[in-house]
Amino acid sequence: MLSEPKIVAFLCNWCSYAGADLAGVSRIRYPPNIRIIRVMCSGRVDPAFIFRAFETGADGVLVGGCHIGDCHYVSGNLKAEKRMENTKKLLKLLGLGQERLRLEWISASEGGKFAQVVTEFTETIRKMGPNPLKAEANVNNPIDVEAVVSEALKKTNVQYCLECGKCSGSCPVSRVDNTFSPRRIVEKFLLGFEDRVISGKDLWTCLSCYQCSERCPSDVRFPEFVRACRSTAPRDMLEETCAHRGIPMTLSRIMINPKIRQNRMGWLPEGAQISKRGDLLYFVGCLPYFDILFEDFNLELTKIPQSVVKILNKVGIKPAMLPNEKCCGHDLLWTGDLENFEKLAKINIANIKATGAKRVVTSCPECYRTIKKDYAEFVGELDFEVLHMSELLSELVDKDELKFEVDPERKVVYHDSCRLGRQMGVYEPPRKVIGSLPGTQLVEMERNRENALCCGVNAWLSCNKYHKEIQMDRLKEAKATGADLLVTTCPKCQIHWKCVTSEKLPINPDEITMEMRDLSVLVAEAMNLA
């Protein structure tokens, strides 16, 4: 026997909720499948609420608001309209189906319309069938905090801390927020006051940029210690500090479900040649999702995989790709969700092996580090090579296989992302590629390579005023070089910088606003492929 659809409805207090009330007192019949949540405005319905509803088993979500022009808060429903449009795009990309979300304008006097909408929507969801995410309730096994902390102290050399203070002196967060100190955090753990740190905000403030580890004389790996301790922290602390309401992590968890079949290949350029199997696999990452999540920034991040495929095709490579590719799990790992990270790691490794790939190429430094280093640590050694696209481009430069047709005179500055540079030691390949471009002069920021300043955010955590100050500091440094273009190999760096330049700033925006470009896009443009 099929179960009845379960529908969650977020209804505006001033109109749709009153319309539902009118339907009730007027005894207008409608299906009992709906569970109503009253909100002050449809504009307050965050997409995170909707994904949370689906993640916990709702078959459909209805959002009701005031008619356009009648919003109690003037323009809240216009905000809701834009949000729901993008949320539907994400649902389509995930393969859940955009029809599972419905937005309706229902006034306080339209009890009949409310009943009609609920009846129609219930029938639509019934025809679609149950939400594929429905599963048995997740039972969280209790975590032995003392055991986790004790193991982390040993594995990351924290117990060998000399209290020299180099970590705090090197930390980009400590420079702008004197209440944060890696050394003091270590002291608290060593003195047995770990509960104060685990229940506080400092655990979520660390950027995991590895600047402290780079300079520590005792080889203390503080970011990895923090990562382990985050797995023991209350989840409500994560929700309080996580930017974008944790939607990227929610999407990652949803992808684990074996019933999910994504529609994520729509970005492929016309005429692109890809295969299901091959020696080289291109791992795209979450770029198709970022283009929707950060649509207002107009970064067009799917130009990155488009450029990669065009370049590979041009040099005679037909890359294998995964139509149902999952998130690498980087953000889950660094926010302490080790269980779901390991699930994603095992799924991705199995899917990659099924293609017969001997080499895996990524555009994202986080995917690169996660697959190459963290998968090996948590799941086991890999039997395929992992490259960042900058390394593959460097190989192609050495073989003289990249033919450049565009020769613009320009000065560019390159930013070393933390994951690719300090953590994985990839410094020269991007510079070699930039140096090979005709008419392009590479200049350096004062802090570069292992001394490069972080872009300011990691794993969507703690995007507060201090992190924004770090972002502005890095952009000022890039601007000071006199470069025409800021080149990165990390899509998230672009997102974070665009975010800070899109807000009201305490400085003149001209001091930090720069044109940005991913290295692969830059190369594709020089090859006249863009």
Protein backbone atom coordinates (compact mmCIF):
# COMPACT_ATOMS: atom_id res chain seq x y z
CA MET A 1 0.00 0.00 0.00
CA LEU A 2 1.39 3.39 -1.04
CA SER A 3 1.93 5.93 1.73
CA GLU A 4 0.11 9.24 1.55
CA PRO A 5 2.18 12.28 0.48
CA LYS A 6 3.54 14.44 3.26
CA ILE A 7 3.56 18.14 2.43
CA VAL A 8 5.12 20.95 4.46
CA ALA A 9 3.63 24.43 3.93
CA PHE A 10 5.34 27.69 4.91
CA LEU A 11 2.54 30.27 4.98
CA CYS A 12 2.75 34.04 5.42
CA ASN A 13 1.11 35.18 8.65
CA TRP A 14 -0.65 38.11 6.99
CA CYS A 15 -2.28 36.41 4.02
CA SER A 16 -1.84 32.73 3.17
CA TYR A 17 -2.07 31.56 6.78
CA ALA A 18 -5.23 33.63 7.18
CA GLY A 19 -6.50 32.10 3.92
CA ALA A 20 -5.91 28.63 5.37
CA ASP A 21 -7.75 29.70 8.52
CA LEU A 22 -10.68 30.93 6.43
CA ALA A 23 -10.81 27.60 4.59
CA GLY A 24 -11.01 25.86 7.94
CA VAL A 25 -13.74 27.97 9.53
CA SER A 26 -15.69 27.86 6.24
CA ARG A 27 -15.44 24.07 6.32
CA ILE A 28 -13.94 23.93 2.83
CA ARG A 29 -12.55 20.44 2.38
CA TYR A 30 -8.95 19.82 1.30
CA PRO A 31 -6.54 16.87 1.73
CA PRO A 32 -5.16 16.38 5.26
CA ASN A 33 -1.65 15.76 3.88
CA ILE A 34 -0.42 19.25 4.65
CA ARG A 35 1.46 20.40 7.75
CA ILE A 36 1.43 24.18 8.10
CA ILE A 37 4.26 26.33 9.50
CA ARG A 38 3.39 29.99 10.00
CA VAL A 39 6.09 32.52 9.05
CA MET A 40 6.00 36.30 9.22
CA CYS A 41 6.68 36.69 5.49
CA SER A 42 7.25 34.42 2.51
CA GLY A 43 10.53 36.30 2.07
CA ARG A 44 11.72 34.75 5.34
CA VAL A 45 11.50 31.22 3.94
CA ASP A 46 15.15 30.40 3.46
CA PRO A 47 16.00 27.69 0.89
CA ALA A 48 17.74 25.90 3.77
CA PHE A 49 14.32 25.33 5.37
CA ILE A 50 13.06 23.75 2.16
CA PHE A 51 16.05 21.44 1.75
CA ARG A 52 15.83 20.51 5.41
CA ALA A 53 12.19 19.52 4.87
CA PHE A 54 13.13 17.33 1.89
CA GLU A 55 16.14 15.87 3.69
CA THR A 56 13.92 14.79 6.58
CA GLY A 57 11.34 13.13 4.35
CA ALA A 58 8.79 15.67 3.12
CA ASP A 59 7.40 14.74 -0.31
CA GLY A 60 6.54 18.31 -1.26
CA VAL A 61 6.90 21.88 0.00
CA LEU A 62 4.35 24.65 -0.49
CA VAL A 63 5.25 28.30 0.09
CA GLY A 64 2.38 30.78 0.33
CA GLY A 65 2.64 34.56 0.36
CA CYS A 66 0.81 37.81 -0.31
CA HIS A 67 -0.03 38.79 -3.87
CA ILE A 68 2.61 40.91 -5.61
CA GLY A 69 2.10 44.51 -4.54
CA ASP A 70 0.31 43.55 -1.33
CA CYS A 71 3.28 42.40 0.80
CA HIS A 72 3.01 43.54 4.42
CA TYR A 73 6.78 44.19 4.28
CA VAL A 74 6.64 45.86 0.83
CA SER A 75 8.90 43.50 -1.15
CA GLY A 76 9.27 40.28 0.85
CA ASN A 77 7.29 38.28 -1.69
CA LEU A 78 9.57 39.48 -4.50
CA LYS A 79 12.50 38.10 -2.52
CA ALA A 80 10.59 34.85 -2.05
CA GLU A 81 9.89 34.64 -5.79
CA LYS A 82 13.60 34.91 -6.61
CA ARG A 83 14.59 32.42 -3.92
CA MET A 84 12.02 29.84 -5.01
CA GLU A 85 13.13 30.17 -8.64
CA ASN A 86 16.72 29.32 -7.70
CA THR A 87 15.64 26.59 -5.29
CA LYS A 88 13.68 24.93 -8.09
CA LYS A 89 16.81 25.01 -10.25
CA LEU A 90 18.74 23.25 -7.48
CA LEU A 91 16.00 20.63 -7.09
CA LYS A 92 16.10 19.97 -10.83
CA LEU A 93 19.90 19.69 -10.78
CA LEU A 94 19.74 17.27 -7.85
CA GLY A 95 17.18 15.12 -9.63
CA LEU A 96 14.54 15.55 -6.92
CA GLY A 97 12.25 17.40 -9.33
CA GLN A 98 11.37 21.07 -9.25
CA GLU A 99 7.66 20.15 -9.23
CA ARG A 100 8.04 19.14 -5.57
CA LEU A 101 8.19 22.85 -4.67
CA ARG A 102 5.25 25.18 -5.29
CA LEU A 103 4.91 28.92 -4.68
CA GLU A 104 1.47 30.51 -4.53
CA TRP A 105 0.07 33.95 -3.74
CA ILE A 106 -3.04 33.51 -1.56
CA SER A 107 -4.76 36.39 0.20
CA ALA A 108 -6.60 36.26 3.53
CA SER A 109 -9.92 36.23 1.68
CA GLU A 110 -9.03 33.31 -0.61
CA GLY A 111 -9.87 30.30 1.52
CA GLY A 112 -11.27 28.55 -1.54
CA LYS A 113 -8.08 29.11 -3.48
CA PHE A 114 -6.00 27.73 -0.60
CA ALA A 115 -8.06 24.52 -0.56
CA GLN A 116 -7.80 24.22 -4.35
CA VAL A 117 -4.01 24.71 -4.32
CA VAL A 118 -3.55 22.08 -1.59
CA THR A 119 -5.78 19.64 -3.48
CA GLU A 120 -3.92 20.15 -6.78
CA PHE A 121 -0.48 20.02 -5.19
CA THR A 122 -1.27 16.86 -3.23
CA GLU A 123 -2.36 15.15 -6.45
CA THR A 124 0.81 16.32 -8.24
CA ILE A 125 3.01 14.90 -5.48
CA ARG A 126 1.01 11.67 -5.38
CA LYS A 127 1.69 11.16 -9.11
CA MET A 128 5.41 11.90 -8.63
CA GLY A 129 5.69 9.30 -5.90
CA PRO A 130 7.51 9.40 -2.58
CA ASN A 131 10.52 11.59 -2.00
CA PRO A 132 13.51 9.33 -2.81
CA LEU A 133 15.31 10.67 0.24
CA LYS A 134 12.89 8.96 2.59
CA ALA A 135 14.80 6.52 4.71
CA GLU A 136 14.99 5.10 8.17
CA ALA A 137 15.65 7.65 10.87
CA ASN A 138 19.34 8.37 11.25
CA VAL A 139 20.54 7.18 14.64
CA ASN A 140 23.47 9.27 15.84
CA ASN A 141 25.83 7.07 17.78
CA PRO A 142 27.24 8.77 20.89
CA ILE A 143 30.75 10.14 20.41
CA ASP A 144 33.45 9.43 22.97
CA VAL A 145 34.80 12.98 23.15
CA GLU A 146 37.71 12.08 25.41
CA ALA A 147 38.87 9.30 23.07
CA VAL A 148 38.59 11.49 19.95
CA VAL A 149 40.52 14.35 21.57
CA SER A 150 43.17 12.02 22.99
CA GLU A 151 43.74 10.40 19.58
CA ALA A 152 43.84 13.79 17.85
CA LEU A 153 46.41 15.10 20.35
CA LYS A 154 48.74 12.26 19.41
CA LYS A 155 48.19 12.19 15.64
CA THR A 156 48.61 15.93 15.13
CA ASN A 157 51.56 16.46 17.52
CA VAL A 158 49.58 18.96 19.59
CA GLN A 159 51.04 17.47 22.77
CA TYR A 160 54.49 18.67 21.61
CA CYS A 161 53.45 22.34 21.56
CA LEU A 162 56.30 24.53 22.89
CA GLU A 163 53.99 27.51 23.52
CA CYS A 164 56.29 29.68 21.40
CA GLY A 165 53.34 31.59 19.96
CA LYS A 166 54.40 31.34 16.32
CA CYS A 167 51.01 29.91 15.43
CA SER A 168 49.13 32.89 16.85
CA GLY A 169 51.62 35.30 15.31
CA SER A 170 51.13 33.66 11.90
CA CYS A 171 47.36 33.18 12.03
CA PRO A 172 45.48 35.58 9.72
CA VAL A 173 42.46 35.48 12.05
CA SER A 174 44.54 36.35 15.13
CA ARG A 175 45.86 39.44 13.34
CA VAL A 176 42.38 40.91 13.01
CA ASP A 177 40.68 39.31 16.04
CA ASN A 178 42.86 39.32 19.16
CA THR A 179 40.40 37.08 21.01
CA PHE A 180 41.34 34.14 18.77
CA SER A 181 44.60 32.32 19.42
CA PRO A 182 45.59 28.82 18.28
CA ARG A 183 48.09 28.64 21.15
CA ARG A 184 45.43 29.37 23.78
CA ILE A 185 43.12 26.77 22.23
CA VAL A 186 45.90 24.18 22.46
CA GLU A 187 46.60 25.18 26.08
CA LYS A 188 42.96 24.64 27.06
CA PHE A 189 42.99 21.13 25.60
CA LEU A 190 46.29 20.23 27.24
CA LEU A 191 45.02 21.48 30.61
CA GLY A 192 41.82 19.45 30.34
CA PHE A 193 39.40 22.27 29.53
CA GLU A 194 38.38 20.86 26.14
CA ASP A 195 34.68 21.28 26.93
CA ARG A 196 35.10 25.07 26.89
CA VAL A 197 36.49 24.97 23.36
CA ILE A 198 34.14 22.33 21.97
CA SER A 199 31.09 24.28 23.11
CA GLY A 200 32.45 27.65 21.94
CA LYS A 201 32.84 29.53 18.67
CA ASP A 202 36.65 29.37 18.40
CA LEU A 203 36.56 25.82 17.08
CA TRP A 204 34.64 27.09 14.03
CA THR A 205 36.74 30.23 13.49
CA CYS A 206 39.92 28.51 12.27
CA LEU A 207 40.40 28.87 8.49
CA SER A 208 42.46 25.66 8.26
CA CYS A 209 44.81 27.65 6.02
CA TYR A 210 47.85 25.82 7.51
CA GLN A 211 49.81 29.06 7.97
CA CYS A 212 50.45 28.00 11.58
CA SER A 213 51.58 24.51 10.57
CA GLU A 214 53.96 26.00 8.01
CA ARG A 215 55.86 27.81 10.76
CA CYS A 216 55.47 25.52 13.77
CA PRO A 217 58.87 24.22 15.01
CA SER A 218 57.18 21.17 16.58
CA ASP A 219 55.26 20.15 13.44
CA VAL A 220 51.92 20.65 15.21
CA ARG A 221 49.13 20.23 12.66
CA PHE A 222 46.61 22.50 14.34
CA PRO A 223 44.02 22.54 11.50
CA GLU A 224 43.78 18.74 11.53
CA PHE A 225 43.39 18.81 15.31
CA VAL A 226 40.56 21.33 14.97
CA ARG A 227 38.96 19.18 12.27
CA ALA A 228 38.92 16.14 14.55
CA CYS A 229 37.50 18.11 17.48
CA ARG A 230 34.71 19.54 15.32
CA SER A 231 33.34 16.02 14.96
CA THR A 232 32.63 16.05 18.72
CA ALA A 233 31.02 19.49 18.85
CA PRO A 234 27.26 20.12 19.14
CA ARG A 235 25.70 20.49 15.69
CA ASP A 236 23.86 23.64 16.74
CA MET A 237 27.22 25.41 16.96
CA LEU A 238 27.84 24.57 13.30
CA GLU A 239 24.42 25.89 12.31
CA GLU A 240 25.10 29.17 14.13
CA THR A 241 28.42 29.80 12.40
CA CYS A 242 27.82 28.34 8.94
CA ALA A 243 27.31 30.77 6.06
CA HIS A 244 24.50 30.23 3.54
CA ARG A 245 22.58 28.25 6.17
CA GLY A 246 24.69 25.19 5.41
CA ILE A 247 22.99 24.53 2.06
CA PRO A 248 26.21 23.30 0.37
CA MET A 249 26.61 20.65 3.08
CA THR A 250 22.93 19.69 2.84
CA LEU A 251 23.33 19.16 -0.91
CA SER A 252 26.39 17.00 -0.25
CA ARG A 253 24.48 14.78 2.18
CA ILE A 254 21.56 14.44 -0.23
CA MET A 255 23.92 13.23 -2.98
CA ILE A 256 24.84 10.22 -0.85
CA ASN A 257 21.39 8.72 -1.38
CA PRO A 258 21.67 5.98 -4.04
CA LYS A 259 18.23 6.88 -5.45
CA ILE A 260 19.38 10.37 -6.44
CA ARG A 261 20.01 10.77 -10.18
CA GLN A 262 21.29 14.26 -10.87
CA ASN A 263 20.80 16.36 -14.00
CA ARG A 264 24.18 18.03 -13.73
CA MET A 265 25.57 17.88 -17.27
CA GLY A 266 23.66 20.80 -18.76
CA TRP A 267 26.77 23.01 -18.70
CA LEU A 268 28.58 20.89 -21.33
CA PRO A 269 29.52 23.02 -24.36
CA GLU A 270 27.98 22.13 -27.71
CA GLY A 271 30.02 19.54 -29.56
CA ALA A 272 31.99 18.49 -26.46
CA GLN A 273 33.49 15.01 -26.64
CA ILE A 274 33.38 13.01 -23.42
CA SER A 275 33.20 9.32 -22.61
CA LYS A 276 31.99 6.94 -19.91
CA ARG A 277 35.38 5.23 -19.66
CA GLY A 278 38.94 6.28 -20.30
CA ASP A 279 42.43 6.75 -18.91
CA LEU A 280 41.74 10.32 -17.81
CA LEU A 281 38.68 11.33 -15.79
CA TYR A 282 37.68 14.95 -15.22
CA PHE A 283 36.11 15.51 -11.78
CA VAL A 284 33.99 18.65 -12.08
CA GLY A 285 33.05 19.22 -8.44
CA CYS A 286 30.09 21.34 -7.32
CA LEU A 287 30.50 24.17 -9.85
CA PRO A 288 27.06 23.62 -11.47
CA TYR A 289 25.48 24.14 -8.04
CA PHE A 290 27.59 27.21 -7.25
CA ASP A 291 26.39 28.95 -10.39
CA ILE A 292 22.84 28.74 -9.01
CA LEU A 293 23.62 29.37 -5.34
CA PHE A 294 25.64 32.48 -6.20
CA GLU A 295 23.78 33.58 -9.29
CA ASP A 296 23.70 37.21 -8.12
CA PHE A 297 27.51 37.35 -8.28
CA ASN A 298 27.44 36.63 -12.02
CA LEU A 299 30.71 34.67 -11.82
CA GLU A 300 29.65 32.07 -14.42
CA LEU A 301 31.73 29.40 -12.71
CA THR A 302 30.63 26.69 -15.15
CA LYS A 303 32.91 28.43 -17.65
CA ILE A 304 35.68 26.64 -15.77
CA PRO A 305 34.63 23.06 -16.64
CA GLN A 306 33.59 24.25 -20.11
CA SER A 307 37.11 25.59 -20.63
CA VAL A 308 38.68 22.40 -19.29
CA VAL A 309 36.71 20.16 -21.65
CA LYS A 310 37.44 22.43 -24.64
CA ILE A 311 41.16 22.43 -23.88
CA LEU A 312 41.27 18.66 -23.42
CA ASN A 313 39.34 18.07 -26.64
CA LYS A 314 41.66 20.46 -28.49
CA VAL A 315 44.73 18.43 -27.51
CA GLY A 316 43.02 15.17 -28.44
CA ILE A 317 41.81 14.03 -25.02
CA LYS A 318 38.25 12.74 -24.64
CA PRO A 319 37.84 12.77 -20.85
CA ALA A 320 35.74 10.30 -18.94
CA MET A 321 33.10 11.98 -16.79
CA LEU A 322 30.52 10.97 -14.19
CA PRO A 323 26.96 12.09 -15.08
CA ASN A 324 25.90 11.43 -11.49
CA GLU A 325 29.11 12.73 -9.91
CA LYS A 326 28.91 13.34 -6.17
CA CYS A 327 30.44 16.12 -4.10
CA CYS A 328 33.98 15.24 -2.98
CA GLY A 329 32.91 15.80 0.64
CA HIS A 330 35.48 18.46 1.53
CA ASP A 331 33.05 20.67 3.44
CA LEU A 332 31.56 17.75 5.36
CA LEU A 333 35.04 16.66 6.39
CA TRP A 334 36.08 20.11 7.63
CA THR A 335 32.82 20.68 9.50
CA GLY A 336 33.17 17.42 11.41
CA ASP A 337 30.68 15.19 9.58
CA LEU A 338 33.13 12.33 9.20
CA GLU A 339 30.48 9.64 8.75
CA ASN A 340 28.95 11.22 5.65
CA PHE A 341 32.36 12.25 4.33
CA GLU A 342 33.51 8.64 4.35
CA LYS A 343 30.32 7.57 2.58
CA LEU A 344 30.96 10.07 -0.21
CA ALA A 345 34.61 9.05 -0.42
CA LYS A 346 33.74 5.38 -0.90
CA ILE A 347 31.07 6.19 -3.51
CA ASN A 348 33.40 8.44 -5.49
CA ILE A 349 36.31 6.01 -5.41
CA ALA A 350 34.07 3.18 -6.64
CA ASN A 351 32.61 5.35 -9.41
CA ILE A 352 36.04 6.52 -10.54
CA LYS A 353 37.41 2.98 -10.60
CA ALA A 354 34.43 1.84 -12.67
CA THR A 355 35.56 4.16 -15.48
CA GLY A 356 38.99 2.55 -15.66
CA ALA A 357 40.64 5.93 -15.10
CA LYS A 358 44.35 6.00 -14.36
CA ARG A 359 44.42 9.77 -13.80
CA VAL A 360 41.82 12.05 -12.21
CA VAL A 361 41.95 15.78 -12.95
CA THR A 362 40.15 18.39 -10.85
CA SER A 363 39.58 22.13 -11.27
CA CYS A 364 38.96 22.73 -7.58
CA PRO A 365 41.92 22.64 -5.14
CA GLU A 366 39.58 21.39 -2.42
CA CYS A 367 38.53 18.42 -4.57
CA TYR A 368 42.20 17.89 -5.41
CA ARG A 369 43.37 17.79 -1.81
CA THR A 370 40.35 15.79 -0.64
CA ILE A 371 40.63 13.03 -3.24
CA LYS A 372 44.42 12.84 -3.29
CA LYS A 373 45.22 13.21 0.41
CA ASP A 374 42.12 12.79 2.58
CA TYR A 375 40.58 9.84 0.73
CA ALA A 376 43.87 8.00 1.12
CA GLU A 377 43.93 8.79 4.86
CA PHE A 378 40.33 7.87 5.65
CA VAL A 379 39.55 5.13 3.11
CA GLY A 380 42.86 3.73 1.88
CA GLU A 381 45.47 4.16 -0.82
CA LEU A 382 44.20 4.97 -4.30
CA ASP A 383 45.21 3.12 -7.45
CA PHE A 384 44.89 6.18 -9.67
CA GLU A 385 46.84 9.42 -9.91
CA VAL A 386 45.21 12.72 -8.92
CA LEU A 387 46.17 15.98 -10.65
CA HIS A 388 45.02 19.56 -10.43
CA MET A 389 44.25 21.05 -13.83
CA SER A 390 47.17 23.46 -13.43
CA GLU A 391 49.52 20.46 -13.26
CA LEU A 392 48.06 18.95 -16.42
CA LEU A 393 48.28 22.31 -18.20
CA SER A 394 51.91 22.54 -17.13
CA GLU A 395 52.56 19.11 -18.69
CA LEU A 396 50.90 20.27 -21.92
CA VAL A 397 53.08 23.40 -21.94
CA ASP A 398 56.19 21.20 -21.63
CA LYS A 399 54.98 19.13 -24.57
CA ASP A 400 54.19 22.28 -26.58
CA GLU A 401 50.62 21.06 -27.13
CA LEU A 402 48.84 24.30 -26.22
CA LYS A 403 48.53 26.53 -29.29
CA PHE A 404 47.78 30.14 -28.40
CA GLU A 405 46.03 32.43 -30.87
CA VAL A 406 45.18 35.48 -28.74
CA ASP A 407 47.97 37.87 -27.70
CA PRO A 408 46.65 40.55 -25.31
CA GLU A 409 49.11 42.83 -23.54
CA ARG A 410 48.32 42.55 -19.84
CA LYS A 411 49.74 42.20 -16.37
CA VAL A 412 48.31 39.45 -14.16
CA VAL A 413 48.80 38.52 -10.51
CA TYR A 414 48.37 34.95 -9.26
CA HIS A 415 46.86 33.96 -5.90
CA ASP A 416 48.11 30.76 -4.24
CA SER A 417 45.07 29.09 -2.70
CA CYS A 418 45.72 27.42 0.66
CA ARG A 419 44.66 23.94 -0.43
CA LEU A 420 46.67 23.88 -3.65
CA GLY A 421 49.72 25.76 -2.41
CA ARG A 422 50.61 25.41 1.25
CA GLN A 423 48.83 22.10 1.75
CA MET A 424 49.72 20.28 -1.48
CA GLY A 425 52.88 22.12 -2.56
CA VAL A 426 51.66 23.07 -6.05
CA TYR A 427 53.31 26.44 -6.64
CA GLU A 428 55.18 26.37 -9.94
CA PRO A 429 52.76 24.71 -12.42
CA PRO A 430 50.26 27.63 -12.44
CA ARG A 431 53.11 30.13 -12.80
CA LYS A 432 54.65 28.16 -15.65
CA VAL A 433 51.31 28.13 -17.48
CA ILE A 434 50.76 31.87 -17.00
CA GLY A 435 54.34 32.54 -18.10
CA SER A 436 53.70 30.65 -21.35
CA LEU A 437 50.78 32.90 -22.39
CA PRO A 438 51.73 35.42 -25.10
CA GLY A 439 51.69 39.06 -24.01
CA THR A 440 51.09 38.16 -20.37
CA GLN A 441 53.33 39.49 -17.61
CA LEU A 442 53.12 37.74 -14.24
CA VAL A 443 53.62 39.85 -11.12
CA GLU A 444 53.62 38.62 -7.53
CA MET A 445 51.92 39.79 -4.38
CA GLU A 446 54.15 40.55 -1.42
CA ARG A 447 52.89 37.39 0.30
CA ASN A 448 53.05 34.50 -2.13
CA ARG A 449 53.66 30.76 -2.29
CA GLU A 450 53.91 29.33 1.26
CA ASN A 451 53.41 32.81 2.74
CA ALA A 452 50.26 33.59 0.74
CA LEU A 453 47.33 35.02 2.68
CA CYS A 454 44.13 32.96 2.76
CA CYS A 455 41.10 34.21 0.82
CA GLY A 456 39.30 34.48 4.17
CA VAL A 457 36.79 31.60 4.40
CA ASN A 458 36.90 27.80 4.42
CA ALA A 459 34.07 25.25 4.24
CA TRP A 460 31.50 28.08 4.37
CA LEU A 461 32.30 28.72 8.05
CA SER A 462 32.43 31.94 10.06
CA CYS A 463 32.05 34.54 7.34
CA ASN A 464 32.05 37.40 9.86
CA LYS A 465 33.58 40.88 9.93
CA TYR A 466 37.03 39.50 10.74
CA HIS A 467 37.03 37.11 7.82
CA LYS A 468 35.83 39.89 5.54
CA GLU A 469 38.74 42.00 6.73
CA ILE A 470 41.09 39.20 5.64
CA GLN A 471 39.37 39.07 2.25
CA MET A 472 39.75 42.83 1.77
CA ASP A 473 43.40 42.66 2.87
CA ARG A 474 44.19 40.06 0.21
CA LEU A 475 42.41 42.03 -2.51
CA LYS A 476 44.26 45.22 -1.51
CA GLU A 477 47.51 43.30 -1.83
CA ALA A 478 46.56 42.09 -5.31
CA LYS A 479 45.44 45.58 -6.34
CA ALA A 480 48.74 47.08 -5.13
CA THR A 481 50.66 45.06 -7.74
CA GLY A 482 49.13 47.14 -10.52
CA ALA A 483 47.88 43.99 -12.26
CA ASP A 484 44.99 44.13 -14.71
CA LEU A 485 43.72 40.68 -13.73
CA LEU A 486 43.66 38.48 -10.62
CA VAL A 487 44.13 34.83 -11.59
CA THR A 488 43.11 31.97 -9.30
CA THR A 489 42.90 28.21 -9.45
CA CYS A 490 40.17 28.08 -6.80
CA PRO A 491 36.50 28.80 -7.60
CA LYS A 492 35.65 29.36 -3.94
CA CYS A 493 38.25 32.11 -3.64
CA GLN A 494 36.39 33.93 -6.40
CA ILE A 495 33.07 33.44 -4.59
CA HIS A 496 34.39 34.79 -1.28
CA TRP A 497 36.03 37.83 -2.88
CA LYS A 498 32.98 38.62 -4.97
CA CYS A 499 30.89 38.34 -1.81
CA VAL A 500 32.90 40.96 0.07
CA THR A 501 33.04 43.37 -2.87
CA SER A 502 29.27 43.08 -3.29
CA GLU A 503 28.57 44.39 0.21
CA LYS A 504 28.67 47.81 1.84
CA LEU A 505 32.32 48.39 2.61
CA PRO A 506 34.20 50.59 5.09
CA ILE A 507 36.57 51.51 2.24
CA ASN A 508 36.32 52.73 -1.33
CA PRO A 509 35.32 49.69 -3.46
CA ASP A 510 37.87 50.75 -6.09
CA GLU A 511 40.62 49.84 -3.62
CA ILE A 512 39.79 46.14 -3.81
CA THR A 513 37.68 45.54 -6.93
CA MET A 514 39.53 43.56 -9.59
CA GLU A 515 38.62 41.48 -12.59
CA MET A 516 39.12 37.79 -11.74
CA ARG A 517 39.72 34.76 -13.90
CA ASP A 518 40.28 31.06 -13.33
CA LEU A 519 43.50 29.74 -14.85
CA SER A 520 41.69 27.27 -17.14
CA VAL A 521 39.42 30.02 -18.48
CA LEU A 522 42.46 32.24 -19.06
CA VAL A 523 44.16 29.49 -21.08
CA ALA A 524 41.01 28.74 -23.09
CA GLU A 525 40.72 32.43 -23.97
CA ALA A 526 44.34 32.50 -25.12
CA MET A 527 43.62 29.45 -27.30
CA ASN A 528 40.56 31.24 -28.71
CA LEU A 529 38.28 28.54 -27.30
CA ALA A 530 36.22 30.65 -24.88
